[in-house]
Amino acid sequence: MNILLLSWHHSTKKVIAGGFRYTKELIERLPNDSKVFVVDTKPTFFNEKKNLNIVEYIIPKKISNIKNELIKRPLEWFYSFIMILRFSLIILKREKIDAIYIPYGELLFLSFAGYVLKFLRKVKLINCVLNIEFTGVTFKRHFYELKSAGHNSLVAFLITIYSFFTRRINIWCINKADLVTTCSYDLRNKLINYGIKKNISVIPVGVNEIILKGTFDKKFDAIYIGRLNSEKGVFDLLKIWSEVVKKQNLKLVLVGPVNVTELEKIKNELILLGIVDNVLIKGVVNEKEKFKLIRQAKMLVFLSKIEGWGIVPFEALSCGLPVVAYKLPVYKETIAKCKSVFLYNLGDTMSIKRKILNLTNNYLKFDIIGKDYVKSFNWDEIAKEYFNLIK
């Protein structure tokens, strides 16, 4: 089985987003009788293997050095679309490819590139969608979110119009695939509601074994991992933390990617709430550093408002940390049954504050519970199931 994988990621080798990690774990477990040709941004985060052939394309500095994300990102995506088509057509001409695989179907330029190649070369197309944000944001909500992020009305309106049409084009592209996959039944149902008409196969997410052994001093009372923006609940967390520190002088660490606009907003919020000394912003870190920071924390506070699965809570549980999170529908099939997970309704800040203060002194008793719970989510079995589905 020969697969052509079309990829893109931010121009950094530090992997943090769940979708990228999902793909990386699957490819790490590629069957011996299969071969994958990857077209990816340089530097790729895929590890070199005997049956993995990687072609990397470089984003020109004239684009990557642009500071305005609203200009930089569309240019980067358009350039990537052209490079992906160029190198993919060369591979398709030289090799017998059984299927084209889109690992992040929420990115329009990848879905569209996959459709173009399917149309030109008559190759089977597989589209994996792990994020509902590209479809789930209403026109009105998107507009006001952009306004609250600091954009003027005209810019917010133009971006909203652009997003409105690109989402619909992307749904059309996804429906042209021969196979659509996702990671949870909750996400599958939402994708169907948003217009994905194809039968959607569900393959769950696995958990890695702890990559760092031994014990670590607890330098932080809580950790957050993920994109630092409002959808992931960061500003809810900061407001809760400002109430927490009135009772105890606790330390929070934030890990994950953030754009310039959101970072400035977070810094201003820290000053406004008076918790500059209680919150450390680490930004993007590599996998080893991420697990080190998890082991140095007492608990994970993960107030994301939109999740297709939620890899981060599983990683925290695998390290023995209790998890405090919002009660999302998807958690019913993932972490809700674990006794070291505490779920609360959206906006229930008082209950979350009390639980954080309680866990600060009682976190150790949840160590074994979380570790035992995640053992059944095995990447090897999940990867095997996925590749069998593709075959």
Protein backbone atom coordinates (compact mmCIF):
# COMPACT_ATOMS: atom_id res chain seq x y z
CA MET A 1 0.00 0.00 0.00
CA ASN A 2 1.50 3.32 -1.12
CA ILE A 3 0.09 6.50 0.44
CA LEU A 4 0.73 10.14 -0.48
CA LEU A 5 0.38 12.33 2.64
CA LEU A 6 -0.15 16.08 2.13
CA SER A 7 0.99 18.06 5.14
CA TRP A 8 1.60 21.57 6.45
CA HIS A 9 2.58 22.95 9.82
CA HIS A 10 3.93 26.15 11.33
CA SER A 11 7.59 26.63 10.43
CA THR A 12 8.87 25.09 13.63
CA LYS A 13 9.80 21.55 14.63
CA LYS A 14 8.11 21.92 18.01
CA VAL A 15 4.89 19.94 17.74
CA ILE A 16 2.07 20.87 20.11
CA ALA A 17 -1.33 20.76 18.32
CA GLY A 18 -3.35 17.58 18.77
CA GLY A 19 -4.02 17.02 15.07
CA PHE A 20 -0.33 17.05 14.20
CA ARG A 21 0.40 14.66 17.03
CA TYR A 22 -2.38 12.29 15.91
CA THR A 23 -0.86 12.03 12.43
CA LYS A 24 2.69 11.68 13.70
CA GLU A 25 1.74 8.79 16.00
CA LEU A 26 -0.01 6.94 13.17
CA ILE A 27 2.92 7.34 10.77
CA GLU A 28 5.36 6.20 13.46
CA ARG A 29 3.48 2.88 13.39
CA LEU A 30 3.33 2.45 9.63
CA PRO A 31 2.95 -1.23 8.60
CA ASN A 32 6.09 -2.81 7.11
CA ASP A 33 4.28 -3.63 3.87
CA SER A 34 3.29 0.01 3.30
CA LYS A 35 5.13 3.07 2.05
CA VAL A 36 4.26 6.72 2.61
CA PHE A 37 5.38 9.69 0.53
CA VAL A 38 5.12 12.88 2.60
CA VAL A 39 5.00 16.41 1.22
CA ASP A 40 5.52 18.70 4.22
CA THR A 41 6.76 22.11 5.35
CA LYS A 42 10.45 22.26 6.25
CA PRO A 43 11.52 21.27 8.84
CA THR A 44 9.18 18.27 8.90
CA PHE A 45 8.25 16.74 12.27
CA PHE A 46 8.04 13.23 10.77
CA ASN A 47 10.98 10.99 11.65
CA GLU A 48 12.96 9.41 8.81
CA LYS A 49 12.10 5.72 8.30
CA LYS A 50 12.90 3.09 5.70
CA ASN A 51 9.38 3.15 4.28
CA LEU A 52 8.83 6.90 4.70
CA ASN A 53 9.88 9.21 1.86
CA ILE A 54 9.79 12.92 2.70
CA VAL A 55 9.77 15.91 0.38
CA GLU A 56 10.04 19.25 2.18
CA TYR A 57 9.13 22.66 0.83
CA ILE A 58 10.46 25.90 2.32
CA ILE A 59 8.24 28.90 3.05
CA PRO A 60 10.11 31.94 1.60
CA LYS A 61 11.41 34.42 4.18
CA LYS A 62 9.52 37.20 2.41
CA ILE A 63 6.36 35.45 3.61
CA SER A 64 7.51 33.91 6.92
CA ASN A 65 8.93 37.26 8.14
CA ILE A 66 5.63 39.12 7.70
CA LYS A 67 4.46 40.15 11.18
CA ASN A 68 0.78 40.66 10.37
CA GLU A 69 -0.84 37.22 10.70
CA LEU A 70 -3.85 38.29 8.61
CA ILE A 71 -1.54 38.83 5.64
CA LYS A 72 1.10 36.19 6.40
CA ARG A 73 -1.13 33.14 6.90
CA PRO A 74 -3.16 33.33 3.63
CA LEU A 75 0.06 33.91 1.65
CA GLU A 76 1.75 30.98 3.38
CA TRP A 77 -1.22 28.72 2.69
CA PHE A 78 -1.46 29.72 -0.97
CA TYR A 79 2.28 29.14 -1.46
CA SER A 80 1.99 25.76 0.31
CA PHE A 81 -0.94 24.81 -1.95
CA ILE A 82 1.20 25.46 -5.05
CA MET A 83 4.21 23.57 -3.66
CA ILE A 84 2.07 20.61 -2.58
CA LEU A 85 0.54 20.33 -6.06
CA ARG A 86 3.93 20.63 -7.72
CA PHE A 87 5.71 17.93 -5.70
CA SER A 88 2.67 15.65 -5.49
CA LEU A 89 2.28 15.56 -9.27
CA ILE A 90 5.95 14.57 -9.58
CA ILE A 91 5.46 11.74 -7.05
CA LEU A 92 2.25 10.57 -8.72
CA LYS A 93 4.05 10.44 -12.06
CA ARG A 94 6.95 8.36 -10.70
CA GLU A 95 5.19 6.13 -8.16
CA LYS A 96 2.08 3.96 -8.02
CA ILE A 97 0.02 5.63 -5.30
CA ASP A 98 -3.00 3.79 -3.86
CA ALA A 99 -4.42 6.67 -1.82
CA ILE A 100 -3.93 10.36 -1.03
CA TYR A 101 -4.24 11.16 2.69
CA ILE A 102 -5.24 14.57 4.09
CA PRO A 103 -4.40 14.52 7.82
CA TYR A 104 -5.89 17.95 8.69
CA GLY A 105 -9.05 18.33 6.64
CA GLU A 106 -9.98 21.56 8.43
CA LEU A 107 -7.29 23.31 6.33
CA LEU A 108 -8.97 24.28 3.05
CA PHE A 109 -5.79 24.39 0.95
CA LEU A 110 -4.98 20.78 1.90
CA SER A 111 -8.51 19.52 1.20
CA PHE A 112 -8.62 21.42 -2.09
CA ALA A 113 -5.17 20.15 -3.12
CA GLY A 114 -6.33 16.61 -2.39
CA TYR A 115 -9.46 17.08 -4.50
CA VAL A 116 -7.47 18.54 -7.43
CA LEU A 117 -5.03 15.59 -7.36
CA LYS A 118 -7.90 13.08 -7.13
CA PHE A 119 -9.56 14.72 -10.14
CA LEU A 120 -6.35 14.84 -12.21
CA ARG A 121 -4.95 11.39 -11.34
CA LYS A 122 -8.07 9.39 -10.38
CA VAL A 123 -6.56 8.32 -7.04
CA LYS A 124 -8.59 7.45 -3.92
CA LEU A 125 -8.79 10.32 -1.42
CA ILE A 126 -8.93 10.01 2.41
CA ASN A 127 -9.72 13.10 4.48
CA CYS A 128 -9.21 13.12 8.26
CA VAL A 129 -11.06 15.95 10.06
CA LEU A 130 -10.12 16.52 13.70
CA ASN A 131 -11.34 20.06 14.30
CA ILE A 132 -14.85 21.54 14.06
CA GLU A 133 -13.82 25.17 14.47
CA PHE A 134 -13.67 25.70 10.71
CA THR A 135 -17.35 24.79 10.41
CA GLY A 136 -18.80 25.40 13.83
CA VAL A 137 -18.38 29.17 14.13
CA THR A 138 -21.45 31.17 13.10
CA PHE A 139 -21.12 34.36 11.03
CA LYS A 140 -22.21 36.63 13.90
CA ARG A 141 -20.08 34.92 16.53
CA HIS A 142 -16.96 34.99 14.36
CA PHE A 143 -17.43 38.71 13.67
CA TYR A 144 -17.72 39.63 17.36
CA GLU A 145 -14.79 37.39 18.34
CA LEU A 146 -12.60 39.25 15.83
CA LYS A 147 -13.84 42.57 17.21
CA SER A 148 -13.04 41.51 20.76
CA ALA A 149 -9.54 40.48 19.60
CA GLY A 150 -8.87 44.11 18.60
CA HIS A 151 -9.78 44.25 14.89
CA ASN A 152 -11.81 47.17 13.58
CA SER A 153 -15.29 46.56 12.16
CA LEU A 154 -14.24 46.60 8.49
CA VAL A 155 -11.36 44.13 8.97
CA ALA A 156 -13.53 41.87 11.16
CA PHE A 157 -16.31 41.92 8.54
CA LEU A 158 -13.96 41.09 5.64
CA ILE A 159 -12.33 38.22 7.54
CA THR A 160 -15.75 36.86 8.50
CA ILE A 161 -16.93 36.96 4.87
CA TYR A 162 -13.73 35.18 3.80
CA SER A 163 -14.13 32.51 6.49
CA PHE A 164 -17.83 32.04 5.68
CA PHE A 165 -17.13 31.14 2.05
CA THR A 166 -13.96 29.12 2.63
CA ARG A 167 -15.77 26.92 5.18
CA ARG A 168 -18.41 26.05 2.63
CA ILE A 169 -15.84 25.33 -0.07
CA ASN A 170 -13.99 23.09 2.38
CA ILE A 171 -17.14 21.13 3.24
CA TRP A 172 -17.66 20.58 -0.50
CA CYS A 173 -14.05 19.33 -0.85
CA ILE A 174 -14.39 16.96 2.11
CA ASN A 175 -17.56 15.49 0.62
CA LYS A 176 -15.58 14.63 -2.52
CA ALA A 177 -13.29 12.29 -0.55
CA ASP A 178 -13.67 8.49 -0.80
CA LEU A 179 -13.24 8.10 2.95
CA VAL A 180 -13.71 10.63 5.78
CA THR A 181 -12.40 9.88 9.27
CA THR A 182 -12.49 11.61 12.64
CA CYS A 183 -11.59 10.77 16.24
CA SER A 184 -14.87 10.76 18.20
CA TYR A 185 -18.59 10.07 17.74
CA ASP A 186 -19.39 13.51 19.14
CA LEU A 187 -17.26 15.15 16.46
CA ARG A 188 -18.71 12.86 13.79
CA ASN A 189 -22.25 13.97 14.68
CA LYS A 190 -21.26 17.64 14.57
CA LEU A 191 -19.58 17.24 11.19
CA ILE A 192 -22.75 15.62 9.83
CA ASN A 193 -24.82 18.53 11.16
CA TYR A 194 -22.45 20.97 9.45
CA GLY A 195 -22.92 19.34 6.07
CA ILE A 196 -20.48 16.44 5.75
CA LYS A 197 -22.59 13.91 3.84
CA LYS A 198 -20.05 11.11 3.56
CA ASN A 199 -20.12 8.17 5.96
CA ILE A 200 -17.59 9.14 8.63
CA SER A 201 -15.44 6.46 10.28
CA VAL A 202 -14.38 7.02 13.89
CA ILE A 203 -10.87 6.06 15.03
CA PRO A 204 -10.02 7.25 18.58
CA VAL A 205 -6.85 8.84 19.92
CA GLY A 206 -4.12 6.99 21.81
CA VAL A 207 -1.75 7.94 24.60
CA ASN A 208 2.04 7.65 24.61
CA GLU A 209 3.95 6.01 27.40
CA ILE A 210 5.57 8.53 29.69
CA ILE A 211 8.75 9.64 27.94
CA LEU A 212 10.37 10.92 31.14
CA LYS A 213 10.97 8.55 34.04
CA GLY A 214 11.72 9.41 37.63
CA THR A 215 10.29 12.04 39.97
CA PHE A 216 10.13 15.80 39.53
CA ASP A 217 9.79 18.64 42.03
CA LYS A 218 6.40 20.37 41.79
CA LYS A 219 7.30 23.89 40.64
CA PHE A 220 3.76 24.74 39.46
CA ASP A 221 0.38 24.31 41.10
CA ALA A 222 -1.34 23.96 37.72
CA ILE A 223 -0.54 23.71 34.03
CA TYR A 224 -2.49 24.55 30.87
CA ILE A 225 -1.45 23.15 27.45
CA GLY A 226 -2.93 24.18 24.10
CA ARG A 227 -3.46 27.21 21.90
CA LEU A 228 -3.58 30.36 24.00
CA ASN A 229 -6.87 31.90 22.85
CA SER A 230 -10.45 32.45 23.97
CA GLU A 231 -11.83 29.24 22.37
CA LYS A 232 -9.46 27.23 24.56
CA GLY A 233 -10.69 29.02 27.69
CA VAL A 234 -7.44 30.79 28.57
CA PHE A 235 -9.14 34.03 29.62
CA ASP A 236 -11.62 32.10 31.79
CA LEU A 237 -8.64 30.42 33.43
CA LEU A 238 -6.88 33.73 34.10
CA LYS A 239 -9.97 35.18 35.80
CA ILE A 240 -10.31 32.05 37.95
CA TRP A 241 -6.61 32.20 38.82
CA SER A 242 -6.96 35.81 39.99
CA GLU A 243 -9.55 34.54 42.50
CA VAL A 244 -7.43 31.53 43.47
CA VAL A 245 -4.38 33.63 44.40
CA LYS A 246 -6.50 35.66 46.81
CA LYS A 247 -6.67 32.50 48.92
CA GLN A 248 -3.20 31.01 48.21
CA ASN A 249 -0.10 32.26 46.41
CA LEU A 250 -0.22 29.63 43.62
CA LYS A 251 1.71 29.39 40.34
CA LEU A 252 0.24 28.60 36.90
CA VAL A 253 2.19 27.80 33.72
CA LEU A 254 0.73 28.26 30.20
CA VAL A 255 2.14 26.13 27.38
CA GLY A 256 1.22 26.43 23.70
CA PRO A 257 1.26 28.56 20.56
CA VAL A 258 -0.09 32.10 20.60
CA ASN A 259 -0.24 34.85 17.98
CA VAL A 260 1.02 38.36 18.66
CA THR A 261 -2.45 39.86 19.15
CA GLU A 262 -3.57 37.24 21.67
CA LEU A 263 -0.25 37.37 23.54
CA GLU A 264 -0.59 41.12 24.01
CA LYS A 265 -4.15 40.63 25.21
CA ILE A 266 -3.06 37.95 27.70
CA LYS A 267 -0.25 40.14 29.06
CA ASN A 268 -2.65 43.05 29.51
CA GLU A 269 -5.09 40.74 31.29
CA LEU A 270 -2.35 39.56 33.68
CA ILE A 271 -1.59 43.18 34.58
CA LEU A 272 -5.27 44.08 34.93
CA LEU A 273 -5.94 41.08 37.20
CA GLY A 274 -2.74 41.61 39.20
CA ILE A 275 -1.38 38.08 38.63
CA VAL A 276 1.77 38.78 36.59
CA ASP A 277 3.94 37.05 39.21
CA ASN A 278 1.60 34.05 39.43
CA VAL A 279 1.46 33.08 35.75
CA LEU A 280 4.37 31.94 33.58
CA ILE A 281 3.89 31.92 29.78
CA LYS A 282 6.18 29.29 28.24
CA GLY A 283 4.77 29.34 24.71
CA VAL A 284 5.64 26.50 22.33
CA VAL A 285 7.94 23.78 23.69
CA ASN A 286 9.15 20.43 22.34
CA GLU A 287 7.66 17.12 23.49
CA LYS A 288 10.36 16.39 26.09
CA GLU A 289 10.04 19.82 27.68
CA LYS A 290 6.24 19.57 27.61
CA PHE A 291 6.22 16.30 29.57
CA LYS A 292 8.79 17.72 31.99
CA LEU A 293 6.49 20.68 32.69
CA ILE A 294 3.51 18.33 33.15
CA ARG A 295 5.49 16.30 35.70
CA GLN A 296 6.41 19.55 37.50
CA ALA A 297 2.74 20.51 37.93
CA LYS A 298 0.19 19.32 40.48
CA MET A 299 -2.84 19.37 38.15
CA LEU A 300 -4.01 20.20 34.64
CA VAL A 301 -6.66 22.92 34.28
CA PHE A 302 -8.00 22.64 30.74
CA LEU A 303 -10.99 24.92 30.12
CA SER A 304 -11.26 24.44 26.36
CA LYS A 305 -14.75 25.19 25.03
CA ILE A 306 -14.40 23.20 21.79
CA GLU A 307 -12.78 19.75 21.56
CA GLY A 308 -12.97 16.92 19.05
CA TRP A 309 -11.27 14.56 21.53
CA GLY A 310 -8.81 16.20 23.91
CA ILE A 311 -5.34 14.65 23.85
CA VAL A 312 -3.95 16.97 26.53
CA PRO A 313 -6.09 15.61 29.42
CA PHE A 314 -4.97 12.06 28.51
CA GLU A 315 -1.31 13.10 28.61
CA ALA A 316 -1.81 14.71 32.02
CA LEU A 317 -3.55 11.58 33.34
CA SER A 318 -0.70 9.42 32.03
CA CYS A 319 1.64 11.47 34.21
CA GLY A 320 -0.58 11.07 37.28
CA LEU A 321 -2.15 14.55 37.29
CA PRO A 322 -5.80 15.16 38.16
CA VAL A 323 -7.68 17.12 35.48
CA VAL A 324 -10.11 20.02 35.87
CA ALA A 325 -12.09 20.82 32.72
CA TYR A 326 -15.37 22.09 31.30
CA LYS A 327 -18.07 19.45 30.79
CA LEU A 328 -17.96 18.99 27.00
CA PRO A 329 -20.12 16.34 25.23
CA VAL A 330 -17.08 14.54 23.79
CA TYR A 331 -15.73 13.81 27.28
CA LYS A 332 -18.59 11.32 27.82
CA GLU A 333 -16.73 8.93 25.52
CA THR A 334 -13.20 9.85 26.61
CA ILE A 335 -12.37 11.02 30.17
CA ALA A 336 -15.66 11.47 32.05
CA LYS A 337 -15.50 8.00 33.67
CA CYS A 338 -12.04 8.61 35.16
CA LYS A 339 -12.22 9.39 38.89
CA SER A 340 -9.31 11.81 38.71
CA VAL A 341 -11.17 14.01 36.19
CA PHE A 342 -13.45 16.80 37.48
CA LEU A 343 -15.85 18.30 34.94
CA TYR A 344 -17.89 21.50 35.41
CA ASN A 345 -20.48 23.39 33.41
CA LEU A 346 -19.28 26.20 31.15
CA GLY A 347 -18.85 29.35 33.23
CA ASP A 348 -19.00 27.64 36.65
CA THR A 349 -15.93 29.51 37.84
CA MET A 350 -16.71 29.25 41.56
CA SER A 351 -16.76 25.44 41.55
CA ILE A 352 -13.56 25.31 39.50
CA LYS A 353 -11.84 27.72 41.88
CA ARG A 354 -12.80 25.56 44.89
CA LYS A 355 -11.61 22.38 43.17
CA ILE A 356 -8.23 23.93 42.27
CA LEU A 357 -7.68 24.99 45.89
CA ASN A 358 -8.73 21.54 47.10
CA LEU A 359 -6.46 19.65 44.66
CA THR A 360 -3.42 21.75 45.54
CA ASN A 361 -3.13 19.81 48.79
CA ASN A 362 -4.70 16.50 47.65
CA TYR A 363 -3.33 15.89 44.13
CA LEU A 364 -1.14 12.92 45.10
CA LYS A 365 -4.03 10.54 45.78
CA PHE A 366 -5.04 10.67 42.07
CA ASP A 367 -1.64 9.60 40.73
CA ILE A 368 -2.35 5.90 40.10
CA ILE A 369 -6.00 6.40 39.06
CA GLY A 370 -5.11 8.46 35.99
CA LYS A 371 -2.22 6.23 34.94
CA ASP A 372 -4.38 3.11 35.09
CA TYR A 373 -7.25 4.71 33.18
CA VAL A 374 -5.25 5.67 30.07
CA LYS A 375 -3.66 2.22 29.61
CA SER A 376 -6.56 1.04 27.44
CA PHE A 377 -5.95 3.82 24.88
CA ASN A 378 -3.07 2.15 23.08
CA TRP A 379 -1.54 3.86 20.02
CA ASP A 380 -0.33 0.56 18.54
CA GLU A 381 -3.85 -0.90 18.41
CA ILE A 382 -5.37 2.35 17.18
CA ALA A 383 -2.81 2.69 14.36
CA LYS A 384 -3.43 -0.92 13.33
CA GLU A 385 -7.17 -0.27 13.14
CA TYR A 386 -6.62 2.89 11.08
CA PHE A 387 -4.38 1.28 8.47
CA ASN A 388 -6.75 -1.68 8.18
CA LEU A 389 -9.55 0.80 7.47
CA ILE A 390 -7.47 2.46 4.74
CA LYS A 391 -6.68 -0.91 3.15
